[in-house]
């Protein structure tokens, strides 16, 4: 590696990592939808999601390593760090929710879980598209529209959580309440992480437009 390559790395490397990390999250979210829609072979499906989480960790570590050795970056170092963390958090919560369902011994899923999973997948897909807009910010309005949609979906998730908790407390089974409340809240937190990523992307669009 030449001195120039060490000081000024390929600008595309960060964009590549962002896109790969977003795509990995979308694939994990798709598997979460499949797990909840077809609640069979649970352990196998949870392990499949975990593999994507490991891939995401490797991509995040690579981004931080590139950042630590780079003097000049296409975005502000803080922006690169925040976006990497936000994308990685999305994936962690998808994986964490799936593992929690297995650990809690959830016997069946319900319409609320299915609605949450659908929202998470839609958000992940929107984030994956939005991340690609960061590579070329000549039209920041495209990125801003995606961020608005991601936030809209998070608001829908808040409504789903409110209805789910209301229905849940009509039940007298304390153990069931504890388990399902934990799952619902974990699913809703996953949508919050997508909103966090959207907020970072919106900040980037504003700063660089």
C-alpha atoms as a PDB file:
ATOM      1  CA  UNK A   1       0.000   0.000   0.000  1.00  0.00           C
ATOM      2  CA  UNK A   2       1.395   3.390  -1.002  1.00  0.00           C
ATOM      3  CA  UNK A   3       1.557   6.386   1.326  1.00  0.00           C
ATOM      4  CA  UNK A   4      -1.130   8.081  -0.757  1.00  0.00           C
ATOM      5  CA  UNK A   5      -3.457   5.067  -0.430  1.00  0.00           C
ATOM      6  CA  UNK A   6      -2.940   5.056   3.324  1.00  0.00           C
ATOM      7  CA  UNK A   7      -3.661   8.777   3.686  1.00  0.00           C
ATOM      8  CA  UNK A   8      -6.436   9.011   1.088  1.00  0.00           C
ATOM      9  CA  UNK A   9      -8.245   5.653   0.856  1.00  0.00           C
ATOM     10  CA  UNK A  10     -10.797   4.810  -1.794  1.00  0.00           C
ATOM     11  CA  UNK A  11     -13.816   7.019  -1.036  1.00  0.00           C
ATOM     12  CA  UNK A  12     -16.130   4.283  -2.185  1.00  0.00           C
ATOM     13  CA  UNK A  13     -15.191   1.922   0.633  1.00  0.00           C
ATOM     14  CA  UNK A  14     -17.483   3.573   3.181  1.00  0.00           C
ATOM     15  CA  UNK A  15     -20.403   3.767   0.768  1.00  0.00           C
ATOM     16  CA  UNK A  16     -19.886   0.108  -0.116  1.00  0.00           C
ATOM     17  CA  UNK A  17     -19.939  -0.870   3.547  1.00  0.00           C
ATOM     18  CA  UNK A  18     -23.079   1.192   4.252  1.00  0.00           C
ATOM     19  CA  UNK A  19     -24.912  -0.448   1.364  1.00  0.00           C
ATOM     20  CA  UNK A  20     -23.772  -3.959   2.267  1.00  0.00           C
ATOM     21  CA  UNK A  21     -24.745  -3.422   5.899  1.00  0.00           C
ATOM     22  CA  UNK A  22     -28.177  -2.081   4.926  1.00  0.00           C
ATOM     23  CA  UNK A  23     -28.729  -5.000   2.533  1.00  0.00           C
ATOM     24  CA  UNK A  24     -27.688  -7.475   5.238  1.00  0.00           C
ATOM     25  CA  UNK A  25     -30.215  -5.921   7.608  1.00  0.00           C
ATOM     26  CA  UNK A  26     -32.942  -6.146   4.981  1.00  0.00           C
ATOM     27  CA  UNK A  27     -32.230  -9.835   4.468  1.00  0.00           C
ATOM     28  CA  UNK A  28     -32.366 -10.449   8.222  1.00  0.00           C
ATOM     29  CA  UNK A  29     -35.657  -8.543   8.404  1.00  0.00           C
ATOM     30  CA  UNK A  30     -37.028 -10.683   5.580  1.00  0.00           C
ATOM     31  CA  UNK A  31     -36.133 -13.789   7.562  1.00  0.00           C
ATOM     32  CA  UNK A  32     -37.852 -12.303  10.612  1.00  0.00           C
ATOM     33  CA  UNK A  33     -41.029 -11.921   8.545  1.00  0.00           C
ATOM     34  CA  UNK A  34     -40.706 -15.544   7.460  1.00  0.00           C
ATOM     35  CA  UNK A  35     -40.136 -16.681  11.044  1.00  0.00           C
ATOM     36  CA  UNK A  36     -43.230 -14.896  12.306  1.00  0.00           C
ATOM     37  CA  UNK A  37     -45.454 -15.724   9.325  1.00  0.00           C
ATOM     38  CA  UNK A  38     -44.497 -19.407   9.344  1.00  0.00           C
ATOM     39  CA  UNK A  39     -43.604 -20.192  12.938  1.00  0.00           C
ATOM     40  CA  UNK A  40     -41.968 -23.556  12.311  1.00  0.00           C
ATOM     41  CA  UNK A  41     -38.338 -24.737  12.393  1.00  0.00           C
ATOM     42  CA  UNK A  42     -37.836 -21.894  14.838  1.00  0.00           C
ATOM     43  CA  UNK A  43     -34.317 -22.668  15.993  1.00  0.00           C
ATOM     44  CA  UNK A  44     -33.068 -23.097  12.434  1.00  0.00           C
ATOM     45  CA  UNK A  45     -34.588 -19.771  11.358  1.00  0.00           C
ATOM     46  CA  UNK A  46     -33.169 -17.941  14.366  1.00  0.00           C
ATOM     47  CA  UNK A  47     -29.721 -19.313  13.542  1.00  0.00           C
ATOM     48  CA  UNK A  48     -30.094 -18.068   9.963  1.00  0.00           C
ATOM     49  CA  UNK A  49     -30.822 -14.562  11.245  1.00  0.00           C
ATOM     50  CA  UNK A  50     -27.822 -14.800  13.573  1.00  0.00           C
ATOM     51  CA  UNK A  51     -25.564 -15.475  10.570  1.00  0.00           C
ATOM     52  CA  UNK A  52     -26.609 -12.146   9.070  1.00  0.00           C
ATOM     53  CA  UNK A  53     -25.972 -10.461  12.410  1.00  0.00           C
ATOM     54  CA  UNK A  54     -22.419 -11.834  12.377  1.00  0.00           C
ATOM     55  CA  UNK A  55     -21.962 -10.519   8.836  1.00  0.00           C
ATOM     56  CA  UNK A  56     -23.200  -7.129   9.975  1.00  0.00           C
ATOM     57  CA  UNK A  57     -20.743  -7.075  12.871  1.00  0.00           C
ATOM     58  CA  UNK A  58     -17.881  -7.817  10.479  1.00  0.00           C
ATOM     59  CA  UNK A  59     -18.963  -4.977   8.182  1.00  0.00           C
ATOM     60  CA  UNK A  60     -19.271  -2.553  11.087  1.00  0.00           C
ATOM     61  CA  UNK A  61     -15.819  -3.499  12.373  1.00  0.00           C
ATOM     62  CA  UNK A  62     -14.425  -2.924   8.892  1.00  0.00           C
ATOM     63  CA  UNK A  63     -16.021   0.532   8.750  1.00  0.00           C
ATOM     64  CA  UNK A  64     -14.521   1.522  12.102  1.00  0.00           C
ATOM     65  CA  UNK A  65     -11.115   0.161  11.056  1.00  0.00           C
ATOM     66  CA  UNK A  66     -11.197   2.147   7.806  1.00  0.00           C
ATOM     67  CA  UNK A  67     -12.245   5.226   9.737  1.00  0.00           C
ATOM     68  CA  UNK A  68      -9.411   4.871  12.232  1.00  0.00           C
ATOM     69  CA  UNK A  69      -6.777   4.718   9.497  1.00  0.00           C
ATOM     70  CA  UNK A  70      -8.229   7.428   7.228  1.00  0.00           C
ATOM     71  CA  UNK A  71      -7.112  11.050   7.333  1.00  0.00           C
ATOM     72  CA  UNK A  72      -9.588  12.149   4.662  1.00  0.00           C
ATOM     73  CA  UNK A  73     -13.116  10.724   4.384  1.00  0.00           C
ATOM     74  CA  UNK A  74     -16.074  11.398   2.037  1.00  0.00           C
ATOM     75  CA  UNK A  75     -18.262  12.293   5.027  1.00  0.00           C
ATOM     76  CA  UNK A  76     -17.430  13.682   8.435  1.00  0.00           C
ATOM     77  CA  UNK A  77     -15.932  10.948  10.655  1.00  0.00           C
ATOM     78  CA  UNK A  78     -18.755  11.467  13.156  1.00  0.00           C
ATOM     79  CA  UNK A  79     -21.324  10.920  10.395  1.00  0.00           C
ATOM     80  CA  UNK A  80     -19.637   7.707   9.289  1.00  0.00           C
ATOM     81  CA  UNK A  81     -19.516   6.441  12.866  1.00  0.00           C
ATOM     82  CA  UNK A  82     -23.140   7.386  13.608  1.00  0.00           C
ATOM     83  CA  UNK A  83     -24.478   5.820  10.426  1.00  0.00           C
ATOM     84  CA  UNK A  84     -22.473   2.627  10.919  1.00  0.00           C
ATOM     85  CA  UNK A  85     -23.730   2.339  14.499  1.00  0.00           C
ATOM     86  CA  UNK A  86     -27.333   3.013  13.497  1.00  0.00           C
ATOM     87  CA  UNK A  87     -27.299   0.385  10.757  1.00  0.00           C
ATOM     88  CA  UNK A  88     -25.619  -2.144  13.025  1.00  0.00           C
ATOM     89  CA  UNK A  89     -28.164  -1.450  15.778  1.00  0.00           C
ATOM     90  CA  UNK A  90     -31.017  -2.173  13.358  1.00  0.00           C
ATOM     91  CA  UNK A  91     -29.551  -5.584  12.645  1.00  0.00           C
ATOM     92  CA  UNK A  92     -28.838  -6.278  16.320  1.00  0.00           C
ATOM     93  CA  UNK A  93     -32.458  -5.673  17.269  1.00  0.00           C
ATOM     94  CA  UNK A  94     -33.794  -7.892  14.485  1.00  0.00           C
ATOM     95  CA  UNK A  95     -31.502 -10.658  15.708  1.00  0.00           C
ATOM     96  CA  UNK A  96     -32.249  -9.936  19.361  1.00  0.00           C
ATOM     97  CA  UNK A  97     -35.990 -10.154  18.843  1.00  0.00           C
ATOM     98  CA  UNK A  98     -35.735 -13.464  17.033  1.00  0.00           C
ATOM     99  CA  UNK A  99     -33.536 -14.912  19.781  1.00  0.00           C
ATOM    100  CA  UNK A 100     -35.899 -13.594  22.439  1.00  0.00           C
ATOM    101  CA  UNK A 101     -38.824 -15.410  20.823  1.00  0.00           C
ATOM    102  CA  UNK A 102     -36.841 -18.647  21.000  1.00  0.00           C
ATOM    103  CA  UNK A 103     -35.606 -18.034  24.548  1.00  0.00           C
ATOM    104  CA  UNK A 104     -39.057 -17.088  25.847  1.00  0.00           C
ATOM    105  CA  UNK A 105     -40.521 -20.233  24.347  1.00  0.00           C
ATOM    106  CA  UNK A 106     -43.156 -18.350  22.370  1.00  0.00           C
ATOM    107  CA  UNK A 107     -45.521 -21.054  21.122  1.00  0.00           C
ATOM    108  CA  UNK A 108     -47.307 -19.092  18.422  1.00  0.00           C
ATOM    109  CA  UNK A 109     -47.230 -15.690  16.792  1.00  0.00           C
ATOM    110  CA  UNK A 110     -50.111 -13.256  16.416  1.00  0.00           C
ATOM    111  CA  UNK A 111     -51.295 -10.453  14.090  1.00  0.00           C
ATOM    112  CA  UNK A 112     -49.439  -7.806  16.103  1.00  0.00           C
ATOM    113  CA  UNK A 113     -46.107  -9.584  15.673  1.00  0.00           C
ATOM    114  CA  UNK A 114     -46.792 -10.025  11.973  1.00  0.00           C
ATOM    115  CA  UNK A 115     -47.587  -6.329  11.595  1.00  0.00           C
ATOM    116  CA  UNK A 116     -44.412  -5.335  13.437  1.00  0.00           C
ATOM    117  CA  UNK A 117     -42.295  -7.657  11.279  1.00  0.00           C
ATOM    118  CA  UNK A 118     -43.821  -6.223   8.120  1.00  0.00           C
ATOM    119  CA  UNK A 119     -43.043  -2.683   9.258  1.00  0.00           C
ATOM    120  CA  UNK A 120     -39.453  -3.610  10.158  1.00  0.00           C
ATOM    121  CA  UNK A 121     -38.937  -5.148   6.726  1.00  0.00           C
ATOM    122  CA  UNK A 122     -40.442  -2.123   4.959  1.00  0.00           C
ATOM    123  CA  UNK A 123     -38.260   0.218   6.991  1.00  0.00           C
ATOM    124  CA  UNK A 124     -35.148  -1.833   6.278  1.00  0.00           C
ATOM    125  CA  UNK A 125     -35.928  -1.771   2.564  1.00  0.00           C
ATOM    126  CA  UNK A 126     -36.384   2.004   2.649  1.00  0.00           C
ATOM    127  CA  UNK A 127     -33.130   2.442   4.563  1.00  0.00           C
ATOM    128  CA  UNK A 128     -31.309   0.311   1.984  1.00  0.00           C
ATOM    129  CA  UNK A 129     -32.552   2.606  -0.792  1.00  0.00           C
ATOM    130  CA  UNK A 130     -31.837   5.751   1.227  1.00  0.00           C
ATOM    131  CA  UNK A 131     -28.269   4.684   1.975  1.00  0.00           C
ATOM    132  CA  UNK A 132     -27.569   4.515  -1.748  1.00  0.00           C
ATOM    133  CA  UNK A 133     -28.507   8.172  -2.065  1.00  0.00           C
ATOM    134  CA  UNK A 134     -25.586   9.080   0.235  1.00  0.00           C
ATOM    135  CA  UNK A 135     -23.137   8.127  -2.516  1.00  0.00           C
ATOM    136  CA  UNK A 136     -24.371  11.090  -4.573  1.00  0.00           C
ATOM    137  CA  UNK A 137     -26.106  13.905  -2.722  1.00  0.00           C
ATOM    138  CA  UNK A 138     -26.923  16.060  -5.730  1.00  0.00           C
ATOM    139  CA  UNK A 139     -30.611  15.372  -5.068  1.00  0.00           C
ATOM    140  CA  UNK A 140     -30.947  15.380  -1.267  1.00  0.00           C
ATOM    141  CA  UNK A 141     -34.722  15.577  -1.604  1.00  0.00           C
ATOM    142  CA  UNK A 142     -34.739  11.896  -2.640  1.00  0.00           C
ATOM    143  CA  UNK A 143     -33.001  10.954   0.590  1.00  0.00           C
ATOM    144  CA  UNK A 144     -35.265  13.210   2.634  1.00  0.00           C
ATOM    145  CA  UNK A 145     -38.389  11.554   1.175  1.00  0.00           C
ATOM    146  CA  UNK A 146     -37.131   8.132   2.211  1.00  0.00           C
ATOM    147  CA  UNK A 147     -36.419   9.379   5.720  1.00  0.00           C
ATOM    148  CA  UNK A 148     -39.943  10.769   6.010  1.00  0.00           C
ATOM    149  CA  UNK A 149     -41.370   7.393   4.979  1.00  0.00           C
ATOM    150  CA  UNK A 150     -39.225   5.546   7.505  1.00  0.00           C
ATOM    151  CA  UNK A 151     -40.444   7.882  10.238  1.00  0.00           C
ATOM    152  CA  UNK A 152     -44.046   7.386   9.115  1.00  0.00           C
ATOM    153  CA  UNK A 153     -43.624   3.637   9.451  1.00  0.00           C
ATOM    154  CA  UNK A 154     -42.184   4.064  12.947  1.00  0.00           C
ATOM    155  CA  UNK A 155     -45.307   6.009  13.920  1.00  0.00           C
ATOM    156  CA  UNK A 156     -47.398   3.091  12.684  1.00  0.00           C
ATOM    157  CA  UNK A 157     -45.346   0.777  14.891  1.00  0.00           C
ATOM    158  CA  UNK A 158     -46.119   2.986  17.897  1.00  0.00           C
ATOM    159  CA  UNK A 159     -49.821   2.532  17.173  1.00  0.00           C
ATOM    160  CA  UNK A 160     -49.420  -1.224  16.826  1.00  0.00           C
ATOM    161  CA  UNK A 161     -47.649  -1.366  20.186  1.00  0.00           C
ATOM    162  CA  UNK A 162     -50.387   0.636  21.887  1.00  0.00           C
ATOM    163  CA  UNK A 163     -53.104  -1.685  20.567  1.00  0.00           C
ATOM    164  CA  UNK A 164     -51.071  -4.803  21.357  1.00  0.00           C
ATOM    165  CA  UNK A 165     -50.448  -3.797  24.965  1.00  0.00           C
ATOM    166  CA  UNK A 166     -54.097  -2.814  25.465  1.00  0.00           C
ATOM    167  CA  UNK A 167     -55.279  -6.201  24.237  1.00  0.00           C
ATOM    168  CA  UNK A 168     -52.598  -8.028  26.185  1.00  0.00           C
ATOM    169  CA  UNK A 169     -53.692  -6.618  29.523  1.00  0.00           C
ATOM    170  CA  UNK A 170     -57.188  -7.972  28.969  1.00  0.00           C
ATOM    171  CA  UNK A 171     -55.566 -11.348  29.658  1.00  0.00           C
ATOM    172  CA  UNK A 172     -55.156 -12.743  33.165  1.00  0.00           C
ATOM    173  CA  UNK A 173     -52.162 -14.985  32.429  1.00  0.00           C
ATOM    174  CA  UNK A 174     -49.271 -13.107  34.049  1.00  0.00           C
ATOM    175  CA  UNK A 175     -46.530 -15.214  32.448  1.00  0.00           C
ATOM    176  CA  UNK A 176     -48.036 -14.746  29.000  1.00  0.00           C
ATOM    177  CA  UNK A 177     -48.310 -11.007  29.596  1.00  0.00           C
ATOM    178  CA  UNK A 178     -44.646 -10.742  30.568  1.00  0.00           C
ATOM    179  CA  UNK A 179     -43.446 -12.783  27.604  1.00  0.00           C
ATOM    180  CA  UNK A 180     -45.542 -11.099  24.931  1.00  0.00           C
ATOM    181  CA  UNK A 181     -44.973  -7.615  26.302  1.00  0.00           C
ATOM    182  CA  UNK A 182     -41.233  -8.255  26.016  1.00  0.00           C
ATOM    183  CA  UNK A 183     -41.592  -9.415  22.411  1.00  0.00           C
ATOM    184  CA  UNK A 184     -43.836  -6.515  21.393  1.00  0.00           C
ATOM    185  CA  UNK A 185     -41.498  -3.973  22.940  1.00  0.00           C
ATOM    186  CA  UNK A 186     -38.451  -5.557  21.317  1.00  0.00           C
ATOM    187  CA  UNK A 187     -40.146  -5.421  17.914  1.00  0.00           C
ATOM    188  CA  UNK A 188     -41.091  -1.790  18.449  1.00  0.00           C
ATOM    189  CA  UNK A 189     -37.514  -0.959  19.485  1.00  0.00           C
ATOM    190  CA  UNK A 190     -36.325  -2.436  16.196  1.00  0.00           C
ATOM    191  CA  UNK A 191     -38.508   0.109  14.385  1.00  0.00           C
ATOM    192  CA  UNK A 192     -37.007   2.846  16.583  1.00  0.00           C
ATOM    193  CA  UNK A 193     -33.537   1.845  15.405  1.00  0.00           C
ATOM    194  CA  UNK A 194     -34.642   2.255  11.798  1.00  0.00           C
ATOM    195  CA  UNK A 195     -35.872   5.722  12.671  1.00  0.00           C
ATOM    196  CA  UNK A 196     -32.492   6.461  14.268  1.00  0.00           C
ATOM    197  CA  UNK A 197     -30.800   5.507  10.998  1.00  0.00           C
ATOM    198  CA  UNK A 198     -33.215   7.746   9.096  1.00  0.00           C
ATOM    199  CA  UNK A 199     -32.410  10.656  11.381  1.00  0.00           C
ATOM    200  CA  UNK A 200     -28.677  10.215  10.745  1.00  0.00           C
ATOM    201  CA  UNK A 201     -29.313  10.072   6.993  1.00  0.00           C
ATOM    202  CA  UNK A 202     -31.473  13.200   7.159  1.00  0.00           C
ATOM    203  CA  UNK A 203     -28.709  15.051   9.007  1.00  0.00           C
ATOM    204  CA  UNK A 204     -26.226  14.010   6.313  1.00  0.00           C
ATOM    205  CA  UNK A 205     -28.576  15.229   3.577  1.00  0.00           C
ATOM    206  CA  UNK A 206     -28.978  18.617   5.258  1.00  0.00           C
ATOM    207  CA  UNK A 207     -25.275  19.102   5.955  1.00  0.00           C
ATOM    208  CA  UNK A 208     -24.115  18.149   2.472  1.00  0.00           C
ATOM    209  CA  UNK A 209     -26.898  19.643   0.330  1.00  0.00           C
END
